[in-house]
Amino acid sequence: MRFKPLNDRIIIKRYKDEYVDDNPEVARIAREGIIKLPDTSETLLKKRASYGEIISWGDKCRYKDQYKVGQKIAFAQFAFTKFEGFEDDIIAIKEDDLHGFVFND
């Protein structure tokens, strides 16, 4: 299945979020999914920034000449639309919610 975003949307394959906590045992339990934590537990566990890689972008993106397929990016944690029915975790964000590119130097 192919998907072409409209306007200023960017399609991203999202990486799994990692949980961090001062207590390594709590972080391990959350990461392994041993217990289900409620969504309101943000005060107990802090999420790192969300990361993913670019799959496609819309025609009206202002900086579309800077995007490349497969480029790793960081984006706003809760500012996305999730699509069901794909093998991977595919989401769409607005171009303004893109924080920056990730480089492994």
PDB file of N, CA and C in Angstrom:
ATOM      1  N   MET A   1       0.843  -1.173   0.000  1.00  0.00           N
ATOM      2  CA  MET A   1       0.000   0.000   0.000  1.00  0.00           C
ATOM      3  C   MET A   1       0.888   1.236   0.000  1.00  0.00           C
ATOM      4  N   ARG A   2       0.549   2.211  -0.834  1.00  0.00           N
ATOM      5  CA  ARG A   2       1.290   3.469  -0.902  1.00  0.00           C
ATOM      6  C   ARG A   2       0.454   4.573  -0.279  1.00  0.00           C
ATOM      7  N   PHE A   3       1.140   5.589   0.236  1.00  0.00           N
ATOM      8  CA  PHE A   3       0.468   6.687   0.917  1.00  0.00           C
ATOM      9  C   PHE A   3       1.191   7.975   0.573  1.00  0.00           C
ATOM     10  N   LYS A   4       0.492   8.950   0.007  1.00  0.00           N
ATOM     11  CA  LYS A   4       1.076  10.248  -0.329  1.00  0.00           C
ATOM     12  C   LYS A   4       0.420  11.315   0.536  1.00  0.00           C
ATOM     13  N   PRO A   5       1.190  11.998   1.380  1.00  0.00           N
ATOM     14  CA  PRO A   5       0.616  13.029   2.251  1.00  0.00           C
ATOM     15  C   PRO A   5       0.242  14.287   1.477  1.00  0.00           C
ATOM     16  N   LEU A   6      -0.704  15.028   2.028  1.00  0.00           N
ATOM     17  CA  LEU A   6      -1.154  16.281   1.435  1.00  0.00           C
ATOM     18  C   LEU A   6      -0.557  17.471   2.175  1.00  0.00           C
ATOM     19  N   ASN A   7      -0.480  18.582   1.485  1.00  0.00           N
ATOM     20  CA  ASN A   7      -0.077  19.878   2.041  1.00  0.00           C
ATOM     21  C   ASN A   7       1.257  19.807   2.773  1.00  0.00           C
ATOM     22  N   ASP A   8       1.275  20.190   4.055  1.00  0.00           N
ATOM     23  CA  ASP A   8       2.536  20.286   4.802  1.00  0.00           C
ATOM     24  C   ASP A   8       2.721  19.111   5.769  1.00  0.00           C
ATOM     25  N   ARG A   9       2.189  17.962   5.430  1.00  0.00           N
ATOM     26  CA  ARG A   9       2.311  16.774   6.282  1.00  0.00           C
ATOM     27  C   ARG A   9       3.541  15.954   5.898  1.00  0.00           C
ATOM     28  N   ILE A  10       4.142  15.320   6.900  1.00  0.00           N
ATOM     29  CA  ILE A  10       5.280  14.433   6.700  1.00  0.00           C
ATOM     30  C   ILE A  10       4.895  13.066   7.251  1.00  0.00           C
ATOM     31  N   ILE A  11       5.132  12.015   6.479  1.00  0.00           N
ATOM     32  CA  ILE A  11       4.845  10.648   6.901  1.00  0.00           C
ATOM     33  C   ILE A  11       6.121  10.052   7.484  1.00  0.00           C
ATOM     34  N   ILE A  12       5.977   9.465   8.681  1.00  0.00           N
ATOM     35  CA  ILE A  12       7.126   8.978   9.432  1.00  0.00           C
ATOM     36  C   ILE A  12       6.893   7.550   9.904  1.00  0.00           C
ATOM     37  N   LYS A  13       7.937   6.754   9.859  1.00  0.00           N
ATOM     38  CA  LYS A  13       7.939   5.450  10.519  1.00  0.00           C
ATOM     39  C   LYS A  13       8.505   5.704  11.915  1.00  0.00           C
ATOM     40  N   ARG A  14       7.643   5.624  12.915  1.00  0.00           N
ATOM     41  CA  ARG A  14       8.026   5.993  14.276  1.00  0.00           C
ATOM     42  C   ARG A  14       8.781   4.864  14.950  1.00  0.00           C
ATOM     43  N   TYR A  15       9.852   5.226  15.658  1.00  0.00           N
ATOM     44  CA  TYR A  15      10.577   4.265  16.471  1.00  0.00           C
ATOM     45  C   TYR A  15       9.851   4.109  17.792  1.00  0.00           C
ATOM     46  N   LYS A  16      10.018   2.987  18.433  1.00  0.00           N
ATOM     47  CA  LYS A  16       9.379   2.735  19.717  1.00  0.00           C
ATOM     48  C   LYS A  16       9.946   3.699  20.766  1.00  0.00           C
ATOM     49  N   ASP A  17       9.041   4.326  21.534  1.00  0.00           N
ATOM     50  CA  ASP A  17       9.476   5.257  22.577  1.00  0.00           C
ATOM     51  C   ASP A  17      10.166   4.502  23.697  1.00  0.00           C
ATOM     52  N   GLU A  18      11.170   5.142  24.264  1.00  0.00           N
ATOM     53  CA  GLU A  18      11.894   4.557  25.380  1.00  0.00           C
ATOM     54  C   GLU A  18      11.509   5.305  26.647  1.00  0.00           C
ATOM     55  N   TYR A  19      11.359   4.569  27.724  1.00  0.00           N
ATOM     56  CA  TYR A  19      11.028   5.180  28.999  1.00  0.00           C
ATOM     57  C   TYR A  19      12.279   5.283  29.858  1.00  0.00           C
ATOM     58  N   VAL A  20      12.379   6.385  30.578  1.00  0.00           N
ATOM     59  CA  VAL A  20      13.492   6.567  31.499  1.00  0.00           C
ATOM     60  C   VAL A  20      12.919   6.963  32.849  1.00  0.00           C
ATOM     61  N   ASP A  21      13.632   6.607  33.885  1.00  0.00           N
ATOM     62  CA  ASP A  21      13.204   6.925  35.230  1.00  0.00           C
ATOM     63  C   ASP A  21      14.443   6.890  36.113  1.00  0.00           C
ATOM     64  N   ASP A  22      14.403   7.569  37.235  1.00  0.00           N
ATOM     65  CA  ASP A  22      15.526   7.539  38.156  1.00  0.00           C
ATOM     66  C   ASP A  22      15.746   6.142  38.718  1.00  0.00           C
ATOM     67  N   ASN A  23      14.676   5.391  38.845  1.00  0.00           N
ATOM     68  CA  ASN A  23      14.757   4.028  39.350  1.00  0.00           C
ATOM     69  C   ASN A  23      14.874   3.081  38.150  1.00  0.00           C
ATOM     70  N   PRO A  24      16.018   2.416  37.956  1.00  0.00           N
ATOM     71  CA  PRO A  24      16.182   1.561  36.783  1.00  0.00           C
ATOM     72  C   PRO A  24      15.220   0.378  36.753  1.00  0.00           C
ATOM     73  N   GLU A  25      14.763  -0.092  37.900  1.00  0.00           N
ATOM     74  CA  GLU A  25      13.825  -1.211  37.943  1.00  0.00           C
ATOM     75  C   GLU A  25      12.465  -0.804  37.378  1.00  0.00           C
ATOM     76  N   VAL A  26      11.996   0.401  37.687  1.00  0.00           N
ATOM     77  CA  VAL A  26      10.726   0.898  37.145  1.00  0.00           C
ATOM     78  C   VAL A  26      10.837   1.066  35.637  1.00  0.00           C
ATOM     79  N   ALA A  27      11.959   1.588  35.163  1.00  0.00           N
ATOM     80  CA  ALA A  27      12.155   1.758  33.724  1.00  0.00           C
ATOM     81  C   ALA A  27      12.187   0.405  33.022  1.00  0.00           C
ATOM     82  N   ARG A  28      12.814  -0.590  33.611  1.00  0.00           N
ATOM     83  CA  ARG A  28      12.882  -1.926  33.009  1.00  0.00           C
ATOM     84  C   ARG A  28      11.488  -2.543  32.916  1.00  0.00           C
ATOM     85  N   ILE A  29      10.708  -2.420  33.975  1.00  0.00           N
ATOM     86  CA  ILE A  29       9.353  -2.987  33.989  1.00  0.00           C
ATOM     87  C   ILE A  29       8.494  -2.321  32.922  1.00  0.00           C
ATOM     88  N   ALA A  30       8.579  -1.005  32.793  1.00  0.00           N
ATOM     89  CA  ALA A  30       7.784  -0.293  31.788  1.00  0.00           C
ATOM     90  C   ALA A  30       8.237  -0.655  30.380  1.00  0.00           C
ATOM     91  N   ARG A  31       9.549  -0.765  30.183  1.00  0.00           N
ATOM     92  CA  ARG A  31      10.092  -1.069  28.867  1.00  0.00           C
ATOM     93  C   ARG A  31       9.694  -2.472  28.415  1.00  0.00           C
ATOM     94  N   GLU A  32       9.718  -3.432  29.304  1.00  0.00           N
ATOM     95  CA  GLU A  32       9.411  -4.815  28.952  1.00  0.00           C
ATOM     96  C   GLU A  32       7.916  -5.091  28.923  1.00  0.00           C
ATOM     97  N   GLY A  33       7.101  -4.154  29.368  1.00  0.00           N
ATOM     98  CA  GLY A  33       5.660  -4.334  29.301  1.00  0.00           C
ATOM     99  C   GLY A  33       5.132  -5.317  30.320  1.00  0.00           C
ATOM    100  N   ILE A  34       5.841  -5.491  31.422  1.00  0.00           N
ATOM    101  CA  ILE A  34       5.402  -6.427  32.455  1.00  0.00           C
ATOM    102  C   ILE A  34       4.120  -5.935  33.103  1.00  0.00           C
ATOM    103  N   ILE A  35       4.039  -4.620  33.309  1.00  0.00           N
ATOM    104  CA  ILE A  35       2.812  -4.039  33.849  1.00  0.00           C
ATOM    105  C   ILE A  35       2.344  -2.940  32.901  1.00  0.00           C
ATOM    106  N   LYS A  36       1.070  -2.708  32.875  1.00  0.00           N
ATOM    107  CA  LYS A  36       0.501  -1.643  32.039  1.00  0.00           C
ATOM    108  C   LYS A  36       0.343  -0.402  32.900  1.00  0.00           C
ATOM    109  N   LEU A  37       1.021   0.653  32.523  1.00  0.00           N
ATOM    110  CA  LEU A  37       0.945   1.904  33.263  1.00  0.00           C
ATOM    111  C   LEU A  37      -0.145   2.788  32.666  1.00  0.00           C
ATOM    112  N   PRO A  38      -0.929   3.466  33.487  1.00  0.00           N
ATOM    113  CA  PRO A  38      -1.954   4.365  32.955  1.00  0.00           C
ATOM    114  C   PRO A  38      -1.320   5.548  32.251  1.00  0.00           C
ATOM    115  N   ASP A  39      -2.083   6.158  31.345  1.00  0.00           N
ATOM    116  CA  ASP A  39      -1.576   7.305  30.592  1.00  0.00           C
ATOM    117  C   ASP A  39      -1.260   8.497  31.492  1.00  0.00           C
ATOM    118  N   THR A  40      -1.849   8.541  32.659  1.00  0.00           N
ATOM    119  CA  THR A  40      -1.626   9.670  33.568  1.00  0.00           C
ATOM    120  C   THR A  40      -0.349   9.512  34.375  1.00  0.00           C
ATOM    121  N   SER A  41       0.433   8.493  34.101  1.00  0.00           N
ATOM    122  CA  SER A  41       1.646   8.257  34.879  1.00  0.00           C
ATOM    123  C   SER A  41       2.837   9.049  34.364  1.00  0.00           C
ATOM    124  N   GLU A  42       2.587  10.093  33.596  1.00  0.00           N
ATOM    125  CA  GLU A  42       3.673  10.911  33.063  1.00  0.00           C
ATOM    126  C   GLU A  42       4.523  11.527  34.172  1.00  0.00           C
ATOM    127  N   THR A  43       3.967  11.709  35.353  1.00  0.00           N
ATOM    128  CA  THR A  43       4.769  12.256  36.437  1.00  0.00           C
ATOM    129  C   THR A  43       5.743  11.217  36.963  1.00  0.00           C
ATOM    130  N   LEU A  44       5.419   9.937  36.815  1.00  0.00           N
ATOM    131  CA  LEU A  44       6.311   8.878  37.282  1.00  0.00           C
ATOM    132  C   LEU A  44       7.396   8.549  36.268  1.00  0.00           C
ATOM    133  N   LEU A  45       7.011   8.447  35.033  1.00  0.00           N
ATOM    134  CA  LEU A  45       7.956   8.126  33.960  1.00  0.00           C
ATOM    135  C   LEU A  45       8.002   9.285  32.978  1.00  0.00           C
ATOM    136  N   LYS A  46       9.188   9.617  32.545  1.00  0.00           N
ATOM    137  CA  LYS A  46       9.336  10.675  31.556  1.00  0.00           C
ATOM    138  C   LYS A  46       9.707  10.023  30.238  1.00  0.00           C
ATOM    139  N   LYS A  47       9.065  10.447  29.154  1.00  0.00           N
ATOM    140  CA  LYS A  47       9.415   9.927  27.845  1.00  0.00           C
ATOM    141  C   LYS A  47      10.472  10.814  27.230  1.00  0.00           C
ATOM    142  N   ARG A  48      11.364  10.183  26.528  1.00  0.00           N
ATOM    143  CA  ARG A  48      12.322  10.950  25.740  1.00  0.00           C
ATOM    144  C   ARG A  48      11.595  11.498  24.520  1.00  0.00           C
ATOM    145  N   ALA A  49      12.277  12.315  23.756  1.00  0.00           N
ATOM    146  CA  ALA A  49      11.676  12.844  22.528  1.00  0.00           C
ATOM    147  C   ALA A  49      11.341  11.690  21.596  1.00  0.00           C
ATOM    148  N   SER A  50      10.333  11.862  20.781  1.00  0.00           N
ATOM    149  CA  SER A  50       9.954  10.832  19.825  1.00  0.00           C
ATOM    150  C   SER A  50      10.848  10.919  18.602  1.00  0.00           C
ATOM    151  N   TYR A  51      11.225   9.762  18.087  1.00  0.00           N
ATOM    152  CA  TYR A  51      12.106   9.692  16.934  1.00  0.00           C
ATOM    153  C   TYR A  51      11.498   8.808  15.869  1.00  0.00           C
ATOM    154  N   GLY A  52      11.939   8.995  14.645  1.00  0.00           N
ATOM    155  CA  GLY A  52      11.491   8.168  13.539  1.00  0.00           C
ATOM    156  C   GLY A  52      12.291   8.482  12.301  1.00  0.00           C
ATOM    157  N   GLU A  53      11.848   7.913  11.177  1.00  0.00           N
ATOM    158  CA  GLU A  53      12.505   8.208   9.911  1.00  0.00           C
ATOM    159  C   GLU A  53      11.466   8.592   8.872  1.00  0.00           C
ATOM    160  N   ILE A  54      11.859   9.490   7.995  1.00  0.00           N
ATOM    161  CA  ILE A  54      10.958  10.041   6.994  1.00  0.00           C
ATOM    162  C   ILE A  54      10.669   8.997   5.917  1.00  0.00           C
ATOM    163  N   ILE A  55       9.392   8.879   5.585  1.00  0.00           N
ATOM    164  CA  ILE A  55       8.969   8.018   4.487  1.00  0.00           C
ATOM    165  C   ILE A  55       8.577   8.864   3.277  1.00  0.00           C
ATOM    166  N   SER A  56       7.821   9.951   3.519  1.00  0.00           N
ATOM    167  CA  SER A  56       7.335  10.804   2.428  1.00  0.00           C
ATOM    168  C   SER A  56       6.931  12.165   2.995  1.00  0.00           C
ATOM    169  N   TRP A  57       6.734  13.143   2.123  1.00  0.00           N
ATOM    170  CA  TRP A  57       6.304  14.474   2.552  1.00  0.00           C
ATOM    171  C   TRP A  57       5.389  15.075   1.503  1.00  0.00           C
ATOM    172  N   GLY A  58       4.565  16.031   1.940  1.00  0.00           N
ATOM    173  CA  GLY A  58       3.600  16.674   1.056  1.00  0.00           C
ATOM    174  C   GLY A  58       4.228  17.714   0.143  1.00  0.00           C
ATOM    175  N   ASP A  59       3.454  18.138  -0.861  1.00  0.00           N
ATOM    176  CA  ASP A  59       3.947  19.089  -1.859  1.00  0.00           C
ATOM    177  C   ASP A  59       4.154  20.498  -1.307  1.00  0.00           C
ATOM    178  N   LYS A  60       3.442  20.867  -0.252  1.00  0.00           N
ATOM    179  CA  LYS A  60       3.518  22.239   0.258  1.00  0.00           C
ATOM    180  C   LYS A  60       4.472  22.387   1.445  1.00  0.00           C
ATOM    181  N   CYS A  61       5.328  21.401   1.708  1.00  0.00           N
ATOM    182  CA  CYS A  61       6.335  21.540   2.767  1.00  0.00           C
ATOM    183  C   CYS A  61       7.337  22.616   2.345  1.00  0.00           C
ATOM    184  N   ARG A  62       7.600  23.546   3.242  1.00  0.00           N
ATOM    185  CA  ARG A  62       8.491  24.661   2.918  1.00  0.00           C
ATOM    186  C   ARG A  62       9.931  24.224   2.699  1.00  0.00           C
ATOM    187  N   TYR A  63      10.379  23.228   3.450  1.00  0.00           N
ATOM    188  CA  TYR A  63      11.785  22.815   3.403  1.00  0.00           C
ATOM    189  C   TYR A  63      11.939  21.435   2.772  1.00  0.00           C
ATOM    190  N   LYS A  64      11.061  21.095   1.829  1.00  0.00           N
ATOM    191  CA  LYS A  64      11.064  19.746   1.259  1.00  0.00           C
ATOM    192  C   LYS A  64      12.365  19.402   0.544  1.00  0.00           C
ATOM    193  N   ASP A  65      13.136  20.402   0.122  1.00  0.00           N
ATOM    194  CA  ASP A  65      14.417  20.113  -0.517  1.00  0.00           C
ATOM    195  C   ASP A  65      15.455  19.604   0.489  1.00  0.00           C
ATOM    196  N   GLN A  66      15.188  19.749   1.805  1.00  0.00           N
ATOM    197  CA  GLN A  66      16.107  19.269   2.837  1.00  0.00           C
ATOM    198  C   GLN A  66      15.782  17.859   3.315  1.00  0.00           C
ATOM    199  N   TYR A  67      14.601  17.324   2.969  1.00  0.00           N
ATOM    200  CA  TYR A  67      14.185  16.005   3.445  1.00  0.00           C
ATOM    201  C   TYR A  67      14.670  14.917   2.509  1.00  0.00           C
ATOM    202  N   LYS A  68      15.037  13.778   3.107  1.00  0.00           N
ATOM    203  CA  LYS A  68      15.426  12.598   2.346  1.00  0.00           C
ATOM    204  C   LYS A  68      14.712  11.398   2.941  1.00  0.00           C
ATOM    205  N   VAL A  69      14.330  10.461   2.102  1.00  0.00           N
ATOM    206  CA  VAL A  69      13.702   9.232   2.584  1.00  0.00           C
ATOM    207  C   VAL A  69      14.708   8.477   3.449  1.00  0.00           C
ATOM    208  N   GLY A  70      14.250   8.046   4.619  1.00  0.00           N
ATOM    209  CA  GLY A  70      15.106   7.308   5.545  1.00  0.00           C
ATOM    210  C   GLY A  70      15.873   8.184   6.522  1.00  0.00           C
ATOM    211  N   GLN A  71      15.756   9.509   6.389  1.00  0.00           N
ATOM    212  CA  GLN A  71      16.465  10.419   7.290  1.00  0.00           C
ATOM    213  C   GLN A  71      15.846  10.361   8.680  1.00  0.00           C
ATOM    214  N   LYS A  72      16.675  10.278   9.725  1.00  0.00           N
ATOM    215  CA  LYS A  72      16.197  10.190  11.095  1.00  0.00           C
ATOM    216  C   LYS A  72      15.870  11.584  11.614  1.00  0.00           C
ATOM    217  N   ILE A  73      14.719  11.686  12.315  1.00  0.00           N
ATOM    218  CA  ILE A  73      14.270  12.979  12.817  1.00  0.00           C
ATOM    219  C   ILE A  73      13.736  12.849  14.234  1.00  0.00           C
ATOM    220  N   ALA A  74      13.640  13.982  14.911  1.00  0.00           N
ATOM    221  CA  ALA A  74      12.976  14.095  16.210  1.00  0.00           C
ATOM    222  C   ALA A  74      11.756  14.985  15.996  1.00  0.00           C
ATOM    223  N   PHE A  75      10.647  14.636  16.659  1.00  0.00           N
ATOM    224  CA  PHE A  75       9.414  15.391  16.436  1.00  0.00           C
ATOM    225  C   PHE A  75       8.632  15.505  17.730  1.00  0.00           C
ATOM    226  N   ALA A  76       7.614  16.372  17.721  1.00  0.00           N
ATOM    227  CA  ALA A  76       6.780  16.623  18.896  1.00  0.00           C
ATOM    228  C   ALA A  76       6.122  15.323  19.350  1.00  0.00           C
ATOM    229  N   GLN A  77       6.135  15.105  20.634  1.00  0.00           N
ATOM    230  CA  GLN A  77       5.744  13.825  21.212  1.00  0.00           C
ATOM    231  C   GLN A  77       4.287  13.448  20.966  1.00  0.00           C
ATOM    232  N   PHE A  78       3.353  14.372  21.105  1.00  0.00           N
ATOM    233  CA  PHE A  78       1.937  14.032  20.991  1.00  0.00           C
ATOM    234  C   PHE A  78       1.250  14.692  19.802  1.00  0.00           C
ATOM    235  N   ALA A  79       2.018  15.232  18.861  1.00  0.00           N
ATOM    236  CA  ALA A  79       1.431  15.969  17.740  1.00  0.00           C
ATOM    237  C   ALA A  79       1.470  15.141  16.463  1.00  0.00           C
ATOM    238  N   PHE A  80       0.738  14.034  16.447  1.00  0.00           N
ATOM    239  CA  PHE A  80       0.738  13.211  15.251  1.00  0.00           C
ATOM    240  C   PHE A  80      -0.594  12.500  15.094  1.00  0.00           C
ATOM    241  N   THR A  81      -0.808  11.983  13.890  1.00  0.00           N
ATOM    242  CA  THR A  81      -1.968  11.153  13.578  1.00  0.00           C
ATOM    243  C   THR A  81      -1.445   9.767  13.246  1.00  0.00           C
ATOM    244  N   LYS A  82      -1.971   8.758  13.925  1.00  0.00           N
ATOM    245  CA  LYS A  82      -1.505   7.387  13.719  1.00  0.00           C
ATOM    246  C   LYS A  82      -2.394   6.696  12.707  1.00  0.00           C
ATOM    247  N   PHE A  83      -1.781   5.868  11.853  1.00  0.00           N
ATOM    248  CA  PHE A  83      -2.511   5.114  10.849  1.00  0.00           C
ATOM    249  C   PHE A  83      -2.487   3.637  11.204  1.00  0.00           C
ATOM    250  N   GLU A  84      -3.649   3.025  11.228  1.00  0.00           N
ATOM    251  CA  GLU A  84      -3.773   1.596  11.504  1.00  0.00           C
ATOM    252  C   GLU A  84      -3.721   0.823  10.189  1.00  0.00           C
ATOM    253  N   GLY A  85      -3.390  -0.444  10.280  1.00  0.00           N
ATOM    254  CA  GLY A  85      -3.403  -1.304   9.109  1.00  0.00           C
ATOM    255  C   GLY A  85      -2.069  -1.428   8.408  1.00  0.00           C
ATOM    256  N   PHE A  86      -1.033  -0.804   8.935  1.00  0.00           N
ATOM    257  CA  PHE A  86       0.303  -0.931   8.376  1.00  0.00           C
ATOM    258  C   PHE A  86       1.130  -1.825   9.291  1.00  0.00           C
ATOM    259  N   GLU A  87       2.136  -2.499   8.733  1.00  0.00           N
ATOM    260  CA  GLU A  87       2.992  -3.363   9.540  1.00  0.00           C
ATOM    261  C   GLU A  87       3.779  -2.554  10.564  1.00  0.00           C
ATOM    262  N   ASP A  88       4.286  -1.417  10.143  1.00  0.00           N
ATOM    263  CA  ASP A  88       5.084  -0.571  11.027  1.00  0.00           C
ATOM    264  C   ASP A  88       4.213   0.487  11.673  1.00  0.00           C
ATOM    265  N   ASP A  89       4.783   1.216  12.612  1.00  0.00           N
ATOM    266  CA  ASP A  89       4.088   2.306  13.284  1.00  0.00           C
ATOM    267  C   ASP A  89       4.204   3.555  12.403  1.00  0.00           C
ATOM    268  N   ILE A  90       3.215   3.783  11.524  1.00  0.00           N
ATOM    269  CA  ILE A  90       3.244   4.875  10.558  1.00  0.00           C
ATOM    270  C   ILE A  90       2.391   6.020  11.093  1.00  0.00           C
ATOM    271  N   ILE A  91       2.964   7.233  11.104  1.00  0.00           N
ATOM    272  CA  ILE A  91       2.256   8.409  11.596  1.00  0.00           C
ATOM    273  C   ILE A  91       2.446   9.571  10.621  1.00  0.00           C
ATOM    274  N   ALA A  92       1.607  10.595  10.766  1.00  0.00           N
ATOM    275  CA  ALA A  92       1.727  11.830   9.992  1.00  0.00           C
ATOM    276  C   ALA A  92       1.853  12.990  10.966  1.00  0.00           C
ATOM    277  N   ILE A  93       2.766  13.906  10.688  1.00  0.00           N
ATOM    278  CA  ILE A  93       2.924  15.113  11.503  1.00  0.00           C
ATOM    279  C   ILE A  93       2.907  16.318  10.569  1.00  0.00           C
ATOM    280  N   LYS A  94       2.620  17.482  11.146  1.00  0.00           N
ATOM    281  CA  LYS A  94       2.758  18.732  10.403  1.00  0.00           C
ATOM    282  C   LYS A  94       4.237  19.091  10.370  1.00  0.00           C
ATOM    283  N   GLU A  95       4.622  19.799   9.339  1.00  0.00           N
ATOM    284  CA  GLU A  95       6.024  20.185   9.197  1.00  0.00           C
ATOM    285  C   GLU A  95       6.496  21.021  10.388  1.00  0.00           C
ATOM    286  N   ASP A  96       5.613  21.834  10.959  1.00  0.00           N
ATOM    287  CA  ASP A  96       5.984  22.681  12.097  1.00  0.00           C
ATOM    288  C   ASP A  96       6.291  21.883  13.363  1.00  0.00           C
ATOM    289  N   ASP A  97       5.819  20.625  13.442  1.00  0.00           N
ATOM    290  CA  ASP A  97       6.067  19.793  14.617  1.00  0.00           C
ATOM    291  C   ASP A  97       7.381  19.012  14.532  1.00  0.00           C
ATOM    292  N   LEU A  98       8.108  19.195  13.452  1.00  0.00           N
ATOM    293  CA  LEU A  98       9.410  18.567  13.285  1.00  0.00           C
ATOM    294  C   LEU A  98      10.442  19.383  14.062  1.00  0.00           C
ATOM    295  N   HIS A  99      11.149  18.726  14.997  1.00  0.00           N
ATOM    296  CA  HIS A  99      12.127  19.445  15.824  1.00  0.00           C
ATOM    297  C   HIS A  99      13.499  19.532  15.163  1.00  0.00           C
ATOM    298  N   GLY A 100      13.904  18.473  14.507  1.00  0.00           N
ATOM    299  CA  GLY A 100      15.224  18.509  13.860  1.00  0.00           C
ATOM    300  C   GLY A 100      15.647  17.150  13.356  1.00  0.00           C
ATOM    301  N   PHE A 101      16.789  17.137  12.707  1.00  0.00           N
ATOM    302  CA  PHE A 101      17.349  15.915  12.160  1.00  0.00           C
ATOM    303  C   PHE A 101      18.307  15.286  13.165  1.00  0.00           C
ATOM    304  N   VAL A 102      18.401  13.970  13.141  1.00  0.00           N
ATOM    305  CA  VAL A 102      19.275  13.239  14.069  1.00  0.00           C
ATOM    306  C   VAL A 102      20.468  12.724  13.257  1.00  0.00           C
ATOM    307  N   PHE A 103      21.675  13.029  13.732  1.00  0.00           N
ATOM    308  CA  PHE A 103      22.905  12.577  13.070  1.00  0.00           C
ATOM    309  C   PHE A 103      23.692  11.730  14.055  1.00  0.00           C
ATOM    310  N   ASN A 104      24.257  10.647  13.560  1.00  0.00           N
ATOM    311  CA  ASN A 104      25.110   9.785  14.375  1.00  0.00           C
ATOM    312  C   ASN A 104      26.562  10.042  14.006  1.00  0.00           C
ATOM    313  N   ASP A 105      27.183  10.975  14.688  1.00  0.00           N
ATOM    314  CA  ASP A 105      28.589  11.304  14.398  1.00  0.00           C
ATOM    315  C   ASP A 105      29.520  10.648  15.376  1.00  0.00           C
TER     316      ASP A 105
END
